[in-house]
Amino acid sequence: MIKTKEQATQQVVENSGNIAGTIVKHHVLTPEEMGNRAMMFARIDLPCGSMIKDHPHIEDAEAYYILEGELTATDNETERVLHPGDVLFTADGNRHSIANRSDKPGAFLAIIFKNNQ
């Protein structure tokens, strides 16, 4: 399968659930396009002042791959500023969050994996 960026759907999420501020999800592949091997594969645009609040991954796992900006992430109790090329992986009941505290836009790839059954 080949899919162009024009074929990707876009979803704006504002102050909902674990989102503070606004994020834009560019759904790279849908779960169905991935044969339901993963629950999400998206580019997330994280404008200045926005964040995905602290949350756990118990029955799934998530990876963030930073594309743009300086994004502040937590991995359980550890906080670090991440830059393009850095990765955050969360699973097995661990918690994470990511925020854009800078004055420049940020973006990352996010993949939510299903746990092996």
Protein backbone atom coordinates (compact mmCIF):
# COMPACT_ATOMS: atom_id res chain seq x y z
CA MET A 1 0.00 0.00 0.00
CA ILE A 2 1.14 3.51 -0.80
CA LYS A 3 -0.63 6.45 0.78
CA THR A 4 0.07 10.11 0.06
CA LYS A 5 -0.02 12.78 2.75
CA GLU A 6 -3.10 14.22 1.07
CA GLN A 7 -4.94 10.97 1.83
CA ALA A 8 -4.24 11.16 5.56
CA THR A 9 -7.10 12.36 7.72
CA GLN A 10 -6.63 15.16 10.20
CA GLN A 11 -8.22 15.51 13.63
CA VAL A 12 -8.10 18.61 15.84
CA VAL A 13 -8.46 17.88 19.55
CA GLU A 14 -8.95 20.77 21.96
CA ASN A 15 -9.10 20.62 25.76
CA SER A 16 -10.49 17.11 25.78
CA GLY A 17 -9.60 14.11 27.94
CA ASN A 18 -5.86 14.19 28.51
CA ILE A 19 -5.30 17.10 26.08
CA ALA A 20 -4.66 20.63 27.41
CA GLY A 21 -4.74 23.22 24.66
CA THR A 22 -4.94 22.04 21.06
CA ILE A 23 -3.24 19.24 19.16
CA VAL A 24 -3.59 18.20 15.54
CA LYS A 25 -3.43 14.48 14.75
CA HIS A 26 -2.47 13.62 11.18
CA HIS A 27 -3.50 9.96 10.97
CA VAL A 28 -0.68 8.44 8.89
CA LEU A 29 -2.28 4.97 8.87
CA THR A 30 -5.56 3.79 10.35
CA PRO A 31 -5.71 0.66 12.49
CA GLU A 32 -7.45 -1.09 9.59
CA GLU A 33 -4.69 -0.09 7.16
CA MET A 34 -2.20 -1.65 9.58
CA GLY A 35 -4.17 -4.89 9.78
CA ASN A 36 -5.11 -3.92 13.36
CA ARG A 37 -1.51 -4.54 14.47
CA ALA A 38 -1.47 -1.09 16.08
CA MET A 39 -4.16 1.27 17.36
CA MET A 40 -2.67 4.54 16.14
CA PHE A 41 0.07 5.83 13.86
CA ALA A 42 -0.09 9.62 13.67
CA ARG A 43 1.95 12.76 13.37
CA ILE A 44 0.98 15.00 16.28
CA ASP A 45 1.43 18.74 15.96
CA LEU A 46 1.87 20.25 19.42
CA PRO A 47 1.56 24.06 19.36
CA CYS A 48 3.18 26.28 21.98
CA GLY A 49 1.47 25.94 25.35
CA SER A 50 -0.30 22.66 24.55
CA MET A 51 0.26 19.30 26.18
CA ILE A 52 -0.79 15.69 26.42
CA LYS A 53 -1.24 15.17 30.16
CA ASP A 54 0.29 12.41 32.25
CA HIS A 55 -1.34 9.04 31.56
CA PRO A 56 -0.45 5.33 31.89
CA HIS A 57 -0.12 2.59 29.28
CA ILE A 58 -1.26 -0.67 30.81
CA GLU A 59 -2.84 -2.75 28.04
CA ASP A 60 -0.90 -1.13 25.22
CA ALA A 61 2.40 0.64 24.56
CA GLU A 62 3.23 3.98 22.93
CA ALA A 63 6.30 5.40 21.23
CA TYR A 64 6.94 9.09 20.52
CA TYR A 65 9.58 10.02 17.93
CA ILE A 66 10.31 13.76 18.02
CA LEU A 67 10.26 15.49 14.62
CA GLU A 68 10.34 19.22 15.43
CA GLY A 69 10.84 21.57 18.33
CA GLU A 70 11.86 21.16 21.96
CA LEU A 71 9.22 19.15 23.80
CA THR A 72 9.23 18.50 27.54
CA ALA A 73 8.35 14.88 28.31
CA THR A 74 7.92 12.92 31.49
CA ASP A 75 8.72 9.24 31.81
CA ASN A 76 7.21 8.28 35.17
CA GLU A 77 8.98 10.71 37.55
CA THR A 78 11.75 11.75 35.13
CA GLU A 79 11.36 14.97 33.10
CA ARG A 80 13.54 15.78 30.08
CA VAL A 81 13.52 18.13 27.12
CA LEU A 82 13.43 16.10 23.90
CA HIS A 83 14.75 17.22 20.50
CA PRO A 84 14.33 15.92 16.93
CA GLY A 85 15.47 12.31 16.75
CA ASP A 86 14.81 11.57 20.44
CA VAL A 87 12.40 8.78 21.41
CA LEU A 88 10.11 8.10 24.37
CA PHE A 89 8.62 4.61 24.85
CA THR A 90 5.98 3.80 27.49
CA ALA A 91 4.41 0.42 28.40
CA ASP A 92 3.72 -2.03 31.24
CA GLY A 93 1.84 0.39 33.52
CA ASN A 94 4.37 3.19 33.16
CA ARG A 95 3.24 6.81 32.70
CA HIS A 96 4.21 9.64 30.39
CA SER A 97 3.27 13.14 29.24
CA ILE A 98 4.55 15.61 26.66
CA ALA A 99 4.27 19.40 26.58
CA ASN A 100 5.41 22.25 24.38
CA ARG A 101 6.77 24.86 26.78
CA SER A 102 8.85 26.55 24.09
CA ASP A 103 8.00 29.46 21.80
CA LYS A 104 8.22 27.30 18.65
CA PRO A 105 5.84 24.64 17.29
CA GLY A 106 6.61 21.01 17.98
CA ALA A 107 5.70 17.73 16.29
CA PHE A 108 6.23 14.03 16.84
CA LEU A 109 5.20 10.65 15.48
CA ALA A 110 3.08 8.61 17.87
CA ILE A 111 2.42 4.89 17.56
CA ILE A 112 0.19 3.00 19.96
CA PHE A 113 0.98 -0.71 19.84
CA LYS A 114 -1.30 -3.49 20.99
CA ASN A 115 0.11 -5.75 23.68
CA ASN A 116 0.95 -9.23 22.45
CA GLN A 117 -1.78 -11.63 23.41
